[in-house]
C-alpha atoms as a PDB file:
ATOM      1  CA  UNK A   1     346.838 133.680  46.935  1.00  0.00           C
ATOM      2  CA  UNK A   2     345.510 132.935  43.450  1.00  0.00           C
ATOM      3  CA  UNK A   3     342.972 130.546  44.982  1.00  0.00           C
ATOM      4  CA  UNK A   4     341.432 133.404  46.965  1.00  0.00           C
ATOM      5  CA  UNK A   5     340.878 135.405  43.781  1.00  0.00           C
ATOM      6  CA  UNK A   6     338.944 132.486  42.324  1.00  0.00           C
ATOM      7  CA  UNK A   7     336.775 132.319  45.446  1.00  0.00           C
ATOM      8  CA  UNK A   8     336.152 136.078  45.341  1.00  0.00           C
ATOM      9  CA  UNK A   9     335.237 135.811  41.666  1.00  0.00           C
ATOM     10  CA  UNK A  10     332.719 133.061  42.380  1.00  0.00           C
ATOM     11  CA  UNK A  11     331.164 135.116  45.190  1.00  0.00           C
ATOM     12  CA  UNK A  12     330.919 138.140  42.896  1.00  0.00           C
ATOM     13  CA  UNK A  13     329.223 136.078  40.184  1.00  0.00           C
ATOM     14  CA  UNK A  14     326.734 134.669  42.721  1.00  0.00           C
ATOM     15  CA  UNK A  15     326.048 138.197  43.998  1.00  0.00           C
ATOM     16  CA  UNK A  16     325.469 139.429  40.452  1.00  0.00           C
ATOM     17  CA  UNK A  17     323.070 136.569  39.702  1.00  0.00           C
ATOM     18  CA  UNK A  18     321.109 137.309  42.900  1.00  0.00           C
ATOM     19  CA  UNK A  19     320.935 141.001  42.017  1.00  0.00           C
ATOM     20  CA  UNK A  20     319.745 140.166  38.496  1.00  0.00           C
ATOM     21  CA  UNK A  21     317.081 137.835  39.902  1.00  0.00           C
ATOM     22  CA  UNK A  22     315.943 140.605  42.248  1.00  0.00           C
ATOM     23  CA  UNK A  23     315.734 143.015  39.322  1.00  0.00           C
ATOM     24  CA  UNK A  24     313.432 140.708  37.404  1.00  0.00           C
ATOM     25  CA  UNK A  25     311.544 139.823  40.588  1.00  0.00           C
ATOM     26  CA  UNK A  26     310.760 143.468  41.327  1.00  0.00           C
ATOM     27  CA  UNK A  27     308.546 143.627  38.246  1.00  0.00           C
ATOM     28  CA  UNK A  28     305.909 141.733  40.233  1.00  0.00           C
ATOM     29  CA  UNK A  29     304.621 143.156  43.521  1.00  0.00           C
ATOM     30  CA  UNK A  30     306.459 141.187  46.211  1.00  0.00           C
ATOM     31  CA  UNK A  31     307.449 142.329  49.669  1.00  0.00           C
ATOM     32  CA  UNK A  32     310.007 139.513  50.021  1.00  0.00           C
ATOM     33  CA  UNK A  33     311.824 140.417  46.807  1.00  0.00           C
ATOM     34  CA  UNK A  34     311.909 144.054  47.895  1.00  0.00           C
ATOM     35  CA  UNK A  35     313.365 143.062  51.268  1.00  0.00           C
ATOM     36  CA  UNK A  36     315.910 140.754  49.631  1.00  0.00           C
ATOM     37  CA  UNK A  37     316.942 143.498  47.200  1.00  0.00           C
ATOM     38  CA  UNK A  38     317.437 145.980  50.013  1.00  0.00           C
ATOM     39  CA  UNK A  39     319.348 143.416  52.070  1.00  0.00           C
ATOM     40  CA  UNK A  40     321.693 142.610  49.182  1.00  0.00           C
ATOM     41  CA  UNK A  41     322.402 146.315  48.657  1.00  0.00           C
ATOM     42  CA  UNK A  42     323.102 146.803  52.366  1.00  0.00           C
ATOM     43  CA  UNK A  43     325.421 143.792  52.447  1.00  0.00           C
ATOM     44  CA  UNK A  44     327.303 145.016  49.370  1.00  0.00           C
ATOM     45  CA  UNK A  45     327.850 148.384  51.042  1.00  0.00           C
ATOM     46  CA  UNK A  46     328.885 146.830  54.348  1.00  0.00           C
ATOM     47  CA  UNK A  47     331.325 144.406  52.750  1.00  0.00           C
ATOM     48  CA  UNK A  48     332.864 147.209  50.711  1.00  0.00           C
ATOM     49  CA  UNK A  49     333.624 149.173  53.871  1.00  0.00           C
ATOM     50  CA  UNK A  50     335.677 146.291  55.305  1.00  0.00           C
ATOM     51  CA  UNK A  51     337.932 146.290  52.253  1.00  0.00           C
ATOM     52  CA  UNK A  52     340.564 148.863  51.385  1.00  0.00           C
ATOM     53  CA  UNK A  53     338.669 152.049  50.564  1.00  0.00           C
ATOM     54  CA  UNK A  54     339.488 153.775  47.297  1.00  0.00           C
ATOM     55  CA  UNK A  55     337.654 156.028  44.869  1.00  0.00           C
ATOM     56  CA  UNK A  56     336.033 153.058  43.105  1.00  0.00           C
ATOM     57  CA  UNK A  57     334.730 151.755  46.443  1.00  0.00           C
ATOM     58  CA  UNK A  58     333.277 155.163  47.307  1.00  0.00           C
ATOM     59  CA  UNK A  59     331.536 155.368  43.916  1.00  0.00           C
ATOM     60  CA  UNK A  60     330.197 151.818  44.428  1.00  0.00           C
ATOM     61  CA  UNK A  61     328.833 152.707  47.871  1.00  0.00           C
ATOM     62  CA  UNK A  62     327.211 155.923  46.601  1.00  0.00           C
ATOM     63  CA  UNK A  63     325.543 154.090  43.695  1.00  0.00           C
ATOM     64  CA  UNK A  64     324.279 151.332  45.992  1.00  0.00           C
ATOM     65  CA  UNK A  65     323.012 153.946  48.440  1.00  0.00           C
ATOM     66  CA  UNK A  66     321.174 155.763  45.641  1.00  0.00           C
ATOM     67  CA  UNK A  67     319.454 152.548  44.538  1.00  0.00           C
ATOM     68  CA  UNK A  68     318.618 151.697  48.159  1.00  0.00           C
ATOM     69  CA  UNK A  69     317.014 155.113  48.677  1.00  0.00           C
ATOM     70  CA  UNK A  70     315.037 154.767  45.440  1.00  0.00           C
ATOM     71  CA  UNK A  71     313.793 151.326  46.483  1.00  0.00           C
ATOM     72  CA  UNK A  72     312.810 152.637  49.899  1.00  0.00           C
ATOM     73  CA  UNK A  73     310.956 155.622  48.478  1.00  0.00           C
ATOM     74  CA  UNK A  74     309.059 153.464  45.974  1.00  0.00           C
ATOM     75  CA  UNK A  75     308.341 150.600  48.365  1.00  0.00           C
ATOM     76  CA  UNK A  76     304.581 151.280  48.337  1.00  0.00           C
ATOM     77  CA  UNK A  77     304.443 150.967  44.549  1.00  0.00           C
ATOM     78  CA  UNK A  78     306.695 147.900  44.455  1.00  0.00           C
ATOM     79  CA  UNK A  79     305.064 145.972  47.311  1.00  0.00           C
ATOM     80  CA  UNK A  80     301.641 147.445  48.097  1.00  0.00           C
ATOM     81  CA  UNK A  81     299.964 146.448  51.339  1.00  0.00           C
ATOM     82  CA  UNK A  82     297.274 143.833  50.969  1.00  0.00           C
END
Protein backbone atom coordinates (compact mmCIF):
# COMPACT_ATOMS: atom_id res chain seq x y z
CA UNK A 1 0.00 0.00 0.00
CA UNK A 2 2.87 2.40 0.68
CA UNK A 3 3.97 2.04 -2.94
CA UNK A 4 0.64 3.45 -4.12
CA UNK A 5 1.13 6.57 -2.00
CA UNK A 6 4.46 7.16 -3.72
CA UNK A 7 2.81 6.83 -7.13
CA UNK A 8 0.02 9.22 -6.12
CA UNK A 9 2.60 11.69 -4.85
CA UNK A 10 4.49 11.58 -8.14
CA UNK A 11 1.26 12.14 -10.09
CA UNK A 12 0.38 15.09 -7.86
CA UNK A 13 3.82 16.64 -8.37
CA UNK A 14 3.52 16.21 -12.16
CA UNK A 15 0.04 17.77 -12.06
CA UNK A 16 1.36 20.71 -10.05
CA UNK A 17 4.24 21.26 -12.48
CA UNK A 18 1.82 21.21 -15.44
CA UNK A 19 -0.47 23.69 -13.69
CA UNK A 20 2.49 25.97 -12.92
CA UNK A 21 3.63 25.79 -16.55
CA UNK A 22 0.10 26.69 -17.66
CA UNK A 23 0.09 29.65 -15.28
CA UNK A 24 3.27 31.05 -16.78
CA UNK A 25 2.11 30.13 -20.28
CA UNK A 26 -1.11 32.11 -19.91
CA UNK A 27 0.88 35.34 -19.77
CA UNK A 28 1.31 35.06 -23.54
CA UNK A 29 -1.75 34.86 -25.80
CA UNK A 30 -2.06 31.17 -26.68
CA UNK A 31 -5.20 29.21 -27.45
CA UNK A 32 -3.45 25.88 -26.80
CA UNK A 33 -2.28 26.87 -23.33
CA UNK A 34 -5.78 28.08 -22.51
CA UNK A 35 -7.25 24.77 -23.68
CA UNK A 36 -4.64 22.79 -21.75
CA UNK A 37 -5.33 24.81 -18.60
CA UNK A 38 -9.06 24.22 -18.88
CA UNK A 39 -8.52 20.53 -19.57
CA UNK A 40 -6.27 20.12 -16.52
CA UNK A 41 -8.87 21.82 -14.32
CA UNK A 42 -11.63 19.59 -15.69
CA UNK A 43 -9.54 16.46 -15.15
CA UNK A 44 -8.71 17.50 -11.57
CA UNK A 45 -12.41 17.94 -10.84
CA UNK A 46 -13.37 14.67 -12.50
CA UNK A 47 -10.69 12.67 -10.71
CA UNK A 48 -11.70 14.18 -7.39
CA UNK A 49 -15.27 12.96 -7.85
CA UNK A 50 -14.11 9.34 -8.21
CA UNK A 51 -12.37 9.49 -4.84
CA UNK A 52 -14.04 9.52 -1.44
CA UNK A 53 -15.83 12.85 -1.19
CA UNK A 54 -15.19 14.96 1.88
CA UNK A 55 -15.26 18.65 2.72
CA UNK A 56 -11.72 19.17 1.40
CA UNK A 57 -12.70 17.57 -1.92
CA UNK A 58 -15.76 19.81 -2.20
CA UNK A 59 -13.65 22.91 -1.52
CA UNK A 60 -11.11 21.72 -4.13
CA UNK A 61 -13.85 21.21 -6.73
CA UNK A 62 -15.41 24.63 -6.01
CA UNK A 63 -12.03 26.38 -6.31
CA UNK A 64 -11.23 24.57 -9.56
CA UNK A 65 -14.69 25.42 -10.89
CA UNK A 66 -14.19 29.09 -10.01
CA UNK A 67 -10.87 29.20 -11.87
CA UNK A 68 -12.41 27.36 -14.83
CA UNK A 69 -15.25 29.89 -15.02
CA UNK A 70 -12.79 32.79 -14.81
CA UNK A 71 -10.68 31.30 -17.60
CA UNK A 72 -13.76 30.77 -19.75
CA UNK A 73 -15.03 34.30 -19.21
CA UNK A 74 -11.63 35.83 -20.02
CA UNK A 75 -10.86 33.55 -22.96
CA UNK A 76 -11.06 36.42 -25.47
CA UNK A 77 -8.43 38.40 -23.58
CA UNK A 78 -6.18 35.39 -23.01
CA UNK A 79 -6.34 33.94 -26.53
CA UNK A 80 -7.70 36.55 -28.95
CA UNK A 81 -8.82 35.40 -32.38
CA UNK A 82 -6.35 36.07 -35.14
